[in-house]
């Protein structure tokens, strides 16, 4: 019945550029998709961790001094970290800059 409506089950989809094995997403450099990247002014950063908490891809890690750094290998440049930063220490810059 589902095929009559044009809806195909996920089991019937052709394999392509997809994550098909558990844990294989770690090999995909999703940061290549972005057009902007976050840049942090560590003089203004209050180490609150809001960037870490709100990042949908969990690209932020905390260093030994308490600052949070994005892993640009996976960051898609959505800008949520910059919008949620209470100290305005994160700005989004064009990838070409």
PDB file of N, CA and C in Angstrom:
ATOM      1  N   UNK A   1       0.821  -1.193   0.000  1.00  0.00           N
ATOM      2  CA  UNK A   1       0.000   0.000   0.000  1.00  0.00           C
ATOM      3  C   UNK A   1       0.867   1.260   0.000  1.00  0.00           C
ATOM      4  N   UNK A   2       1.961   1.252   0.758  1.00  0.00           N
ATOM      5  CA  UNK A   2       2.802   2.441   0.836  1.00  0.00           C
ATOM      6  C   UNK A   2       3.407   2.784  -0.518  1.00  0.00           C
ATOM      7  N   UNK A   3       3.737   1.769  -1.321  1.00  0.00           N
ATOM      8  CA  UNK A   3       4.355   2.031  -2.609  1.00  0.00           C
ATOM      9  C   UNK A   3       3.361   2.641  -3.593  1.00  0.00           C
ATOM     10  N   UNK A   4       2.074   2.402  -3.408  1.00  0.00           N
ATOM     11  CA  UNK A   4       1.061   2.995  -4.271  1.00  0.00           C
ATOM     12  C   UNK A   4       1.012   4.506  -4.104  1.00  0.00           C
ATOM     13  N   UNK A   5       1.363   5.012  -2.928  1.00  0.00           N
ATOM     14  CA  UNK A   5       1.345   6.448  -2.667  1.00  0.00           C
ATOM     15  C   UNK A   5       2.666   7.117  -3.040  1.00  0.00           C
ATOM     16  N   UNK A   6       3.641   6.344  -3.487  1.00  0.00           N
ATOM     17  CA  UNK A   6       4.937   6.896  -3.844  1.00  0.00           C
ATOM     18  C   UNK A   6       5.910   6.920  -2.679  1.00  0.00           C
ATOM     19  N   UNK A   7       5.473   6.476  -1.526  1.00  0.00           N
ATOM     20  CA  UNK A   7       6.348   6.437  -0.360  1.00  0.00           C
ATOM     21  C   UNK A   7       7.051   5.083  -0.330  1.00  0.00           C
ATOM     22  N   UNK A   8       8.368   5.132  -0.221  1.00  0.00           N
ATOM     23  CA  UNK A   8       9.167   3.913  -0.221  1.00  0.00           C
ATOM     24  C   UNK A   8       9.715   3.686   1.180  1.00  0.00           C
ATOM     25  N   UNK A   9       9.733   2.450   1.594  1.00  0.00           N
ATOM     26  CA  UNK A   9      10.301   2.095   2.887  1.00  0.00           C
ATOM     27  C   UNK A   9      11.802   2.360   2.879  1.00  0.00           C
ATOM     28  N   UNK A  10      12.370   2.710   4.019  1.00  0.00           N
ATOM     29  CA  UNK A  10      13.812   2.951   4.102  1.00  0.00           C
ATOM     30  C   UNK A  10      14.593   1.705   3.721  1.00  0.00           C
ATOM     31  N   UNK A  11      13.981   0.537   3.899  1.00  0.00           N
ATOM     32  CA  UNK A  11      14.655  -0.714   3.547  1.00  0.00           C
ATOM     33  C   UNK A  11      14.817  -0.868   2.041  1.00  0.00           C
ATOM     34  N   UNK A  12      13.990  -0.165   1.272  1.00  0.00           N
ATOM     35  CA  UNK A  12      14.034  -0.277  -0.183  1.00  0.00           C
ATOM     36  C   UNK A  12      14.893   0.806  -0.840  1.00  0.00           C
ATOM     37  N   UNK A  13      15.452   1.718  -0.051  1.00  0.00           N
ATOM     38  CA  UNK A  13      16.278   2.774  -0.619  1.00  0.00           C
ATOM     39  C   UNK A  13      17.611   2.208  -1.112  1.00  0.00           C
ATOM     40  N   UNK A  14      18.095   2.747  -2.215  1.00  0.00           N
ATOM     41  CA  UNK A  14      19.384   2.315  -2.758  1.00  0.00           C
ATOM     42  C   UNK A  14      20.508   2.843  -1.880  1.00  0.00           C
ATOM     43  N   UNK A  15      21.566   2.044  -1.759  1.00  0.00           N
ATOM     44  CA  UNK A  15      22.721   2.483  -1.001  1.00  0.00           C
ATOM     45  C   UNK A  15      23.483   3.529  -1.802  1.00  0.00           C
ATOM     46  N   UNK A  16      23.923   4.536  -1.143  1.00  0.00           N
ATOM     47  CA  UNK A  16      24.691   5.592  -1.795  1.00  0.00           C
ATOM     48  C   UNK A  16      25.663   6.166  -0.800  1.00  0.00           C
ATOM     49  N   UNK A  17      25.772   7.460  -0.765  1.00  0.00           N
ATOM     50  CA  UNK A  17      26.648   8.126   0.188  1.00  0.00           C
ATOM     51  C   UNK A  17      25.879   8.262   1.497  1.00  0.00           C
ATOM     52  N   UNK A  18      25.823   7.194   2.241  1.00  0.00           N
ATOM     53  CA  UNK A  18      25.062   7.188   3.486  1.00  0.00           C
ATOM     54  C   UNK A  18      25.869   6.505   4.575  1.00  0.00           C
ATOM     55  N   UNK A  19      25.488   6.769   5.782  1.00  0.00           N
ATOM     56  CA  UNK A  19      26.105   6.103   6.920  1.00  0.00           C
ATOM     57  C   UNK A  19      25.384   4.777   7.074  1.00  0.00           C
ATOM     58  N   UNK A  20      26.070   3.700   6.767  1.00  0.00           N
ATOM     59  CA  UNK A  20      25.409   2.405   6.777  1.00  0.00           C
ATOM     60  C   UNK A  20      25.922   1.480   7.874  1.00  0.00           C
ATOM     61  N   UNK A  21      27.072   1.769   8.428  1.00  0.00           N
ATOM     62  CA  UNK A  21      27.615   0.948   9.499  1.00  0.00           C
ATOM     63  C   UNK A  21      27.641   1.760  10.791  1.00  0.00           C
ATOM     64  N   UNK A  22      27.315   1.168  11.915  1.00  0.00           N
ATOM     65  CA  UNK A  22      27.380   1.906  13.177  1.00  0.00           C
ATOM     66  C   UNK A  22      28.779   2.473  13.404  1.00  0.00           C
ATOM     67  N   UNK A  23      28.845   3.734  13.794  1.00  0.00           N
ATOM     68  CA  UNK A  23      30.125   4.377  14.074  1.00  0.00           C
ATOM     69  C   UNK A  23      30.849   4.924  12.862  1.00  0.00           C
ATOM     70  N   UNK A  24      30.305   4.729  11.665  1.00  0.00           N
ATOM     71  CA  UNK A  24      31.007   5.179  10.461  1.00  0.00           C
ATOM     72  C   UNK A  24      30.910   6.681  10.243  1.00  0.00           C
ATOM     73  N   UNK A  25      30.038   7.377  10.971  1.00  0.00           N
ATOM     74  CA  UNK A  25      29.909   8.820  10.787  1.00  0.00           C
ATOM     75  C   UNK A  25      31.174   9.553  11.224  1.00  0.00           C
ATOM     76  N   UNK A  26      31.970   8.952  12.091  1.00  0.00           N
ATOM     77  CA  UNK A  26      33.210   9.590  12.540  1.00  0.00           C
ATOM     78  C   UNK A  26      34.182   9.801  11.384  1.00  0.00           C
ATOM     79  N   UNK A  27      34.029   9.054  10.305  1.00  0.00           N
ATOM     80  CA  UNK A  27      34.919   9.173   9.159  1.00  0.00           C
ATOM     81  C   UNK A  27      34.486  10.242   8.168  1.00  0.00           C
ATOM     82  N   UNK A  28      33.282  10.798   8.339  1.00  0.00           N
ATOM     83  CA  UNK A  28      32.772  11.791   7.404  1.00  0.00           C
ATOM     84  C   UNK A  28      33.140  13.192   7.864  1.00  0.00           C
ATOM     85  N   UNK A  29      33.888  13.924   7.052  1.00  0.00           N
ATOM     86  CA  UNK A  29      34.312  15.280   7.391  1.00  0.00           C
ATOM     87  C   UNK A  29      33.179  16.245   7.077  1.00  0.00           C
ATOM     88  N   UNK A  30      32.239  16.348   7.997  1.00  0.00           N
ATOM     89  CA  UNK A  30      31.053  17.167   7.774  1.00  0.00           C
ATOM     90  C   UNK A  30      31.361  18.659   7.829  1.00  0.00           C
ATOM     91  N   UNK A  31      32.527  19.041   8.323  1.00  0.00           N
ATOM     92  CA  UNK A  31      32.906  20.445   8.345  1.00  0.00           C
ATOM     93  C   UNK A  31      33.086  21.039   6.959  1.00  0.00           C
ATOM     94  N   UNK A  32      33.252  20.191   5.956  1.00  0.00           N
ATOM     95  CA  UNK A  32      33.388  20.671   4.579  1.00  0.00           C
ATOM     96  C   UNK A  32      32.097  21.299   4.062  1.00  0.00           C
ATOM     97  N   UNK A  33      30.992  21.098   4.753  1.00  0.00           N
ATOM     98  CA  UNK A  33      29.696  21.600   4.299  1.00  0.00           C
ATOM     99  C   UNK A  33      29.494  23.070   4.620  1.00  0.00           C
ATOM    100  N   UNK A  34      30.256  23.606   5.558  1.00  0.00           N
ATOM    101  CA  UNK A  34      29.955  24.945   6.064  1.00  0.00           C
ATOM    102  C   UNK A  34      30.492  26.050   5.155  1.00  0.00           C
ATOM    103  N   UNK A  35      29.856  27.214   5.282  1.00  0.00           N
ATOM    104  CA  UNK A  35      30.332  28.413   4.602  1.00  0.00           C
ATOM    105  C   UNK A  35      30.849  29.426   5.619  1.00  0.00           C
ATOM    106  N   UNK A  36      30.522  29.221   6.901  1.00  0.00           N
ATOM    107  CA  UNK A  36      31.019  30.072   7.978  1.00  0.00           C
ATOM    108  C   UNK A  36      31.550  29.190   9.097  1.00  0.00           C
ATOM    109  N   UNK A  37      32.475  29.738   9.878  1.00  0.00           N
ATOM    110  CA  UNK A  37      33.023  28.998  11.015  1.00  0.00           C
ATOM    111  C   UNK A  37      33.043  29.888  12.255  1.00  0.00           C
ATOM    112  N   UNK A  38      32.958  29.292  13.441  1.00  0.00           N
ATOM    113  CA  UNK A  38      32.997  30.087  14.668  1.00  0.00           C
ATOM    114  C   UNK A  38      34.431  30.459  15.036  1.00  0.00           C
ATOM    115  N   UNK A  39      34.608  31.703  15.468  1.00  0.00           N
ATOM    116  CA  UNK A  39      35.893  32.178  15.973  1.00  0.00           C
ATOM    117  C   UNK A  39      35.627  32.769  17.352  1.00  0.00           C
ATOM    118  N   UNK A  40      36.416  32.344  18.330  1.00  0.00           N
ATOM    119  CA  UNK A  40      36.213  32.774  19.715  1.00  0.00           C
ATOM    120  C   UNK A  40      37.254  33.796  20.130  1.00  0.00           C
ATOM    121  N   UNK A  41      36.779  34.870  20.754  1.00  0.00           N
ATOM    122  CA  UNK A  41      37.657  35.854  21.372  1.00  0.00           C
ATOM    123  C   UNK A  41      37.813  35.409  22.827  1.00  0.00           C
ATOM    124  N   UNK A  42      38.948  34.801  23.145  1.00  0.00           N
ATOM    125  CA  UNK A  42      39.142  34.220  24.476  1.00  0.00           C
ATOM    126  C   UNK A  42      39.343  35.280  25.558  1.00  0.00           C
ATOM    127  N   UNK A  43      39.549  36.537  25.169  1.00  0.00           N
ATOM    128  CA  UNK A  43      39.599  37.628  26.147  1.00  0.00           C
ATOM    129  C   UNK A  43      38.199  37.912  26.696  1.00  0.00           C
ATOM    130  N   UNK A  44      37.177  37.682  25.882  1.00  0.00           N
ATOM    131  CA  UNK A  44      35.791  37.923  26.289  1.00  0.00           C
ATOM    132  C   UNK A  44      35.116  36.667  26.841  1.00  0.00           C
ATOM    133  N   UNK A  45      35.661  35.495  26.529  1.00  0.00           N
ATOM    134  CA  UNK A  45      35.050  34.215  26.917  1.00  0.00           C
ATOM    135  C   UNK A  45      35.006  34.071  28.436  1.00  0.00           C
ATOM    136  N   UNK A  46      33.834  33.686  28.964  1.00  0.00           N
ATOM    137  CA  UNK A  46      33.672  33.492  30.408  1.00  0.00           C
ATOM    138  C   UNK A  46      33.636  32.001  30.783  1.00  0.00           C
ATOM    139  N   UNK A  47      33.946  31.144  29.817  1.00  0.00           N
ATOM    140  CA  UNK A  47      34.034  29.694  30.033  1.00  0.00           C
ATOM    141  C   UNK A  47      32.750  29.089  30.590  1.00  0.00           C
ATOM    142  N   UNK A  48      31.616  29.585  30.124  1.00  0.00           N
ATOM    143  CA  UNK A  48      30.323  29.122  30.633  1.00  0.00           C
ATOM    144  C   UNK A  48      29.903  27.773  30.039  1.00  0.00           C
ATOM    145  N   UNK A  49      30.413  27.450  28.850  1.00  0.00           N
ATOM    146  CA  UNK A  49      30.073  26.178  28.231  1.00  0.00           C
ATOM    147  C   UNK A  49      28.779  26.176  27.436  1.00  0.00           C
ATOM    148  N   UNK A  50      28.173  27.347  27.233  1.00  0.00           N
ATOM    149  CA  UNK A  50      26.928  27.398  26.463  1.00  0.00           C
ATOM    150  C   UNK A  50      27.150  26.912  25.030  1.00  0.00           C
ATOM    151  N   UNK A  51      28.320  27.204  24.468  1.00  0.00           N
ATOM    152  CA  UNK A  51      28.630  26.727  23.109  1.00  0.00           C
ATOM    153  C   UNK A  51      28.606  25.206  23.082  1.00  0.00           C
ATOM    154  N   UNK A  52      29.164  24.594  24.086  1.00  0.00           N
ATOM    155  CA  UNK A  52      29.198  23.131  24.202  1.00  0.00           C
ATOM    156  C   UNK A  52      27.789  22.568  24.379  1.00  0.00           C
ATOM    157  N   UNK A  53      27.016  23.207  25.243  1.00  0.00           N
ATOM    158  CA  UNK A  53      25.672  22.710  25.565  1.00  0.00           C
ATOM    159  C   UNK A  53      24.731  22.801  24.366  1.00  0.00           C
ATOM    160  N   UNK A  54      24.773  23.920  23.633  1.00  0.00           N
ATOM    161  CA  UNK A  54      23.816  24.136  22.555  1.00  0.00           C
ATOM    162  C   UNK A  54      24.261  23.606  21.196  1.00  0.00           C
ATOM    163  N   UNK A  55      25.514  23.235  21.031  1.00  0.00           N
ATOM    164  CA  UNK A  55      25.981  22.745  19.733  1.00  0.00           C
ATOM    165  C   UNK A  55      25.258  21.447  19.367  1.00  0.00           C
ATOM    166  N   UNK A  56      24.521  21.435  18.248  1.00  0.00           N
ATOM    167  CA  UNK A  56      23.775  20.234  17.882  1.00  0.00           C
ATOM    168  C   UNK A  56      24.663  19.065  17.447  1.00  0.00           C
ATOM    169  N   UNK A  57      25.909  19.361  17.116  1.00  0.00           N
ATOM    170  CA  UNK A  57      26.816  18.298  16.672  1.00  0.00           C
ATOM    171  C   UNK A  57      27.897  17.965  17.688  1.00  0.00           C
ATOM    172  N   UNK A  58      27.833  18.596  18.857  1.00  0.00           N
ATOM    173  CA  UNK A  58      28.786  18.322  19.943  1.00  0.00           C
ATOM    174  C   UNK A  58      30.233  18.431  19.477  1.00  0.00           C
ATOM    175  N   UNK A  59      30.556  19.510  18.769  1.00  0.00           N
ATOM    176  CA  UNK A  59      31.917  19.671  18.256  1.00  0.00           C
ATOM    177  C   UNK A  59      32.845  20.355  19.252  1.00  0.00           C
ATOM    178  N   UNK A  60      32.310  20.886  20.342  1.00  0.00           N
ATOM    179  CA  UNK A  60      33.138  21.599  21.306  1.00  0.00           C
ATOM    180  C   UNK A  60      33.733  20.669  22.352  1.00  0.00           C
ATOM    181  N   UNK A  61      35.002  20.920  22.675  1.00  0.00           N
ATOM    182  CA  UNK A  61      35.681  20.227  23.767  1.00  0.00           C
ATOM    183  C   UNK A  61      36.347  21.288  24.644  1.00  0.00           C
ATOM    184  N   UNK A  62      36.523  20.960  25.900  1.00  0.00           N
ATOM    185  CA  UNK A  62      37.115  21.892  26.851  1.00  0.00           C
ATOM    186  C   UNK A  62      38.588  21.552  27.056  1.00  0.00           C
ATOM    187  N   UNK A  63      39.440  22.580  27.036  1.00  0.00           N
ATOM    188  CA  UNK A  63      40.861  22.323  27.262  1.00  0.00           C
ATOM    189  C   UNK A  63      41.189  22.424  28.749  1.00  0.00           C
ATOM    190  N   UNK A  64      42.458  22.243  29.090  1.00  0.00           N
ATOM    191  CA  UNK A  64      42.874  22.227  30.497  1.00  0.00           C
ATOM    192  C   UNK A  64      42.717  23.590  31.179  1.00  0.00           C
ATOM    193  N   UNK A  65      42.629  24.674  30.403  1.00  0.00           N
ATOM    194  CA  UNK A  65      42.441  26.004  30.972  1.00  0.00           C
ATOM    195  C   UNK A  65      40.967  26.373  31.105  1.00  0.00           C
ATOM    196  N   UNK A  66      40.073  25.494  30.644  1.00  0.00           N
ATOM    197  CA  UNK A  66      38.637  25.725  30.784  1.00  0.00           C
ATOM    198  C   UNK A  66      37.964  26.348  29.582  1.00  0.00           C
ATOM    199  N   UNK A  67      38.732  26.641  28.525  1.00  0.00           N
ATOM    200  CA  UNK A  67      38.145  27.210  27.318  1.00  0.00           C
ATOM    201  C   UNK A  67      37.600  26.104  26.419  1.00  0.00           C
ATOM    202  N   UNK A  68      36.564  26.439  25.664  1.00  0.00           N
ATOM    203  CA  UNK A  68      35.943  25.491  24.741  1.00  0.00           C
ATOM    204  C   UNK A  68      36.390  25.797  23.316  1.00  0.00           C
ATOM    205  N   UNK A  69      36.762  24.756  22.592  1.00  0.00           N
ATOM    206  CA  UNK A  69      37.235  24.886  21.219  1.00  0.00           C
ATOM    207  C   UNK A  69      36.399  23.991  20.306  1.00  0.00           C
ATOM    208  N   UNK A  70      36.006  24.506  19.137  1.00  0.00           N
ATOM    209  CA  UNK A  70      35.258  23.655  18.198  1.00  0.00           C
ATOM    210  C   UNK A  70      36.200  22.791  17.376  1.00  0.00           C
ATOM    211  N   UNK A  71      35.778  21.595  17.101  1.00  0.00           N
ATOM    212  CA  UNK A  71      36.506  20.724  16.178  1.00  0.00           C
ATOM    213  C   UNK A  71      35.969  21.040  14.795  1.00  0.00           C
ATOM    214  N   UNK A  72      36.735  21.790  14.011  1.00  0.00           N
ATOM    215  CA  UNK A  72      36.271  22.246  12.705  1.00  0.00           C
ATOM    216  C   UNK A  72      36.180  21.117  11.686  1.00  0.00           C
ATOM    217  N   UNK A  73      36.675  19.945  12.029  1.00  0.00           N
ATOM    218  CA  UNK A  73      36.521  18.774  11.170  1.00  0.00           C
ATOM    219  C   UNK A  73      35.037  18.412  11.051  1.00  0.00           C
ATOM    220  N   UNK A  74      34.278  18.654  12.137  1.00  0.00           N
ATOM    221  CA  UNK A  74      32.859  18.294  12.168  1.00  0.00           C
ATOM    222  C   UNK A  74      31.901  19.482  12.203  1.00  0.00           C
ATOM    223  N   UNK A  75      32.366  20.677  12.554  1.00  0.00           N
ATOM    224  CA  UNK A  75      31.491  21.854  12.677  1.00  0.00           C
ATOM    225  C   UNK A  75      30.865  22.193  11.330  1.00  0.00           C
ATOM    226  N   UNK A  76      29.536  22.327  11.313  1.00  0.00           N
ATOM    227  CA  UNK A  76      28.815  22.638  10.081  1.00  0.00           C
ATOM    228  C   UNK A  76      28.549  24.135   9.918  1.00  0.00           C
ATOM    229  N   UNK A  77      28.957  24.945  10.901  1.00  0.00           N
ATOM    230  CA  UNK A  77      28.813  26.392  10.786  1.00  0.00           C
ATOM    231  C   UNK A  77      27.402  26.899  10.961  1.00  0.00           C
ATOM    232  N   UNK A  78      26.607  26.254  11.776  1.00  0.00           N
ATOM    233  CA  UNK A  78      25.207  26.655  11.952  1.00  0.00           C
ATOM    234  C   UNK A  78      25.067  27.980  12.689  1.00  0.00           C
ATOM    235  N   UNK A  79      26.042  28.333  13.534  1.00  0.00           N
ATOM    236  CA  UNK A  79      26.004  29.600  14.247  1.00  0.00           C
ATOM    237  C   UNK A  79      25.236  29.590  15.555  1.00  0.00           C
ATOM    238  N   UNK A  80      24.732  28.456  15.971  1.00  0.00           N
ATOM    239  CA  UNK A  80      23.989  28.393  17.229  1.00  0.00           C
ATOM    240  C   UNK A  80      24.896  28.765  18.398  1.00  0.00           C
ATOM    241  N   UNK A  81      26.141  28.345  18.360  1.00  0.00           N
ATOM    242  CA  UNK A  81      27.073  28.680  19.440  1.00  0.00           C
ATOM    243  C   UNK A  81      27.205  30.189  19.588  1.00  0.00           C
ATOM    244  N   UNK A  82      27.318  30.902  18.478  1.00  0.00           N
ATOM    245  CA  UNK A  82      27.452  32.360  18.511  1.00  0.00           C
ATOM    246  C   UNK A  82      26.183  33.024  19.033  1.00  0.00           C
ATOM    247  N   UNK A  83      25.029  32.510  18.651  1.00  0.00           N
ATOM    248  CA  UNK A  83      23.760  33.093  19.109  1.00  0.00           C
ATOM    249  C   UNK A  83      23.543  32.868  20.601  1.00  0.00           C
ATOM    250  N   UNK A  84      24.009  31.739  21.118  1.00  0.00           N
ATOM    251  CA  UNK A  84      23.777  31.401  22.527  1.00  0.00           C
ATOM    252  C   UNK A  84      24.864  31.916  23.461  1.00  0.00           C
ATOM    253  N   UNK A  85      25.958  32.414  22.928  1.00  0.00           N
ATOM    254  CA  UNK A  85      27.074  32.886  23.761  1.00  0.00           C
ATOM    255  C   UNK A  85      26.676  34.152  24.521  1.00  0.00           C
ATOM    256  N   UNK A  86      26.603  34.094  25.867  1.00  0.00           N
ATOM    257  CA  UNK A  86      26.161  35.262  26.634  1.00  0.00           C
ATOM    258  C   UNK A  86      27.173  36.401  26.665  1.00  0.00           C
ATOM    259  N   UNK A  87      28.433  36.123  26.368  1.00  0.00           N
ATOM    260  CA  UNK A  87      29.456  37.178  26.400  1.00  0.00           C
ATOM    261  C   UNK A  87      29.809  37.684  25.003  1.00  0.00           C
ATOM    262  N   UNK A  88      29.090  37.220  24.013  1.00  0.00           N
ATOM    263  CA  UNK A  88      29.344  37.607  22.607  1.00  0.00           C
ATOM    264  C   UNK A  88      30.799  37.393  22.218  1.00  0.00           C
ATOM    265  N   UNK A  89      31.405  36.338  22.730  1.00  0.00           N
ATOM    266  CA  UNK A  89      32.804  36.071  22.405  1.00  0.00           C
ATOM    267  C   UNK A  89      32.970  35.223  21.155  1.00  0.00           C
ATOM    268  N   UNK A  90      31.873  34.673  20.632  1.00  0.00           N
ATOM    269  CA  UNK A  90      31.942  33.862  19.413  1.00  0.00           C
ATOM    270  C   UNK A  90      31.305  34.621  18.275  1.00  0.00           C
ATOM    271  N   UNK A  91      32.030  34.741  17.193  1.00  0.00           N
ATOM    272  CA  UNK A  91      31.491  35.350  15.986  1.00  0.00           C
ATOM    273  C   UNK A  91      31.654  34.357  14.844  1.00  0.00           C
ATOM    274  N   UNK A  92      30.760  34.455  13.901  1.00  0.00           N
ATOM    275  CA  UNK A  92      30.831  33.601  12.721  1.00  0.00           C
ATOM    276  C   UNK A  92      31.533  34.390  11.623  1.00  0.00           C
ATOM    277  N   UNK A  93      32.541  33.796  11.022  1.00  0.00           N
ATOM    278  CA  UNK A  93      33.271  34.436   9.926  1.00  0.00           C
ATOM    279  C   UNK A  93      33.142  33.576   8.678  1.00  0.00           C
ATOM    280  N   UNK A  94      33.235  34.230   7.537  1.00  0.00           N
ATOM    281  CA  UNK A  94      33.170  33.496   6.271  1.00  0.00           C
ATOM    282  C   UNK A  94      34.331  32.514   6.215  1.00  0.00           C
ATOM    283  N   UNK A  95      34.073  31.356   5.695  1.00  0.00           N
ATOM    284  CA  UNK A  95      35.084  30.312   5.607  1.00  0.00           C
ATOM    285  C   UNK A  95      36.304  30.783   4.803  1.00  0.00           C
ATOM    286  N   UNK A  96      36.098  31.647   3.848  1.00  0.00           N
ATOM    287  CA  UNK A  96      37.203  32.109   3.004  1.00  0.00           C
ATOM    288  C   UNK A  96      38.119  33.093   3.719  1.00  0.00           C
ATOM    289  N   UNK A  97      37.677  33.645   4.872  1.00  0.00           N
ATOM    290  CA  UNK A  97      38.492  34.619   5.621  1.00  0.00           C
ATOM    291  C   UNK A  97      39.569  33.932   6.441  1.00  0.00           C
TER     292      UNK A  97
END
